[in-house]
């Protein structure tokens, strides 16, 4: 086999690989991205989401501050 025949075989293999890669990217682009599925936490946990507000009276200052 001479050099021209080997070069043609390598060129054909490279062209086939390029076609395969182009087809792969075309299919990936056409199918689009998958959208993530979000879940509501209330579906999994029994929670009424009502927060109880508790008011705390001001605590007395520490003993160090009273001494002054």
Protein backbone atom coordinates (compact mmCIF):
# COMPACT_ATOMS: atom_id res chain seq x y z
CA UNK A 1 0.00 0.00 0.00
CA UNK A 2 1.30 3.35 -0.89
CA UNK A 3 0.97 6.58 1.08
CA UNK A 4 -2.03 7.90 -0.91
CA UNK A 5 -4.14 4.85 -0.13
CA UNK A 6 -3.33 5.05 3.59
CA UNK A 7 -4.14 8.79 3.60
CA UNK A 8 -7.52 8.13 1.92
CA UNK A 9 -8.42 5.44 4.48
CA UNK A 10 -7.52 7.74 7.36
CA UNK A 11 -9.54 10.57 5.77
CA UNK A 12 -12.59 8.32 5.38
CA UNK A 13 -12.36 7.20 9.01
CA UNK A 14 -12.02 10.82 10.18
CA UNK A 15 -15.03 11.87 8.06
CA UNK A 16 -17.16 9.07 9.52
CA UNK A 17 -16.19 10.08 13.04
CA UNK A 18 -17.03 13.72 12.28
CA UNK A 19 -20.46 12.71 10.93
CA UNK A 20 -21.15 10.65 14.03
CA UNK A 21 -20.20 13.55 16.32
CA UNK A 22 -22.32 15.99 14.29
CA UNK A 23 -25.31 13.65 14.47
CA UNK A 24 -24.85 13.26 18.24
CA UNK A 25 -24.80 17.02 18.85
CA UNK A 26 -27.79 17.56 16.53
CA UNK A 27 -29.85 15.02 18.45
CA UNK A 28 -28.82 16.52 21.80
CA UNK A 29 -29.76 20.01 20.61
CA UNK A 30 -33.13 18.93 19.21
CA UNK A 31 -34.19 16.94 22.26
CA UNK A 32 -33.63 19.94 24.55
CA UNK A 33 -32.76 20.03 28.20
CA UNK A 34 -34.74 18.16 30.79
CA UNK A 35 -36.50 20.48 33.19
CA UNK A 36 -35.94 19.66 36.85
CA UNK A 37 -38.99 18.51 38.77
CA UNK A 38 -39.61 20.51 41.91
CA UNK A 39 -41.58 19.15 44.85
CA UNK A 40 -43.51 21.00 47.49
CA UNK A 41 -42.19 20.26 50.99
CA UNK A 42 -45.72 20.17 52.34
CA UNK A 43 -46.32 17.01 50.32
CA UNK A 44 -43.73 15.16 52.38
CA UNK A 45 -43.98 16.68 55.86
CA UNK A 46 -47.05 17.19 57.96
CA UNK A 47 -46.63 20.81 58.82
CA UNK A 48 -49.17 23.59 58.96
CA UNK A 49 -46.50 26.27 58.56
CA UNK A 50 -48.16 28.39 61.27
CA UNK A 51 -45.46 29.96 63.36
CA UNK A 52 -46.27 30.85 66.94
CA UNK A 53 -44.91 34.23 67.95
CA UNK A 54 -43.82 34.34 71.54
CA UNK A 55 -43.03 37.69 73.10
CA UNK A 56 -40.25 37.68 75.68
CA UNK A 57 -39.99 40.37 78.31
CA UNK A 58 -36.65 42.11 78.54
CA UNK A 59 -34.40 40.14 80.79
CA UNK A 60 -32.59 41.82 83.61
CA UNK A 61 -29.08 43.04 82.85
CA UNK A 62 -26.26 40.80 84.03
CA UNK A 63 -24.85 41.36 87.51
CA UNK A 64 -21.69 43.01 86.14
CA UNK A 65 -23.63 45.88 84.63
CA UNK A 66 -25.70 46.42 87.79
CA UNK A 67 -22.58 46.83 89.90
CA UNK A 68 -21.57 49.93 87.95
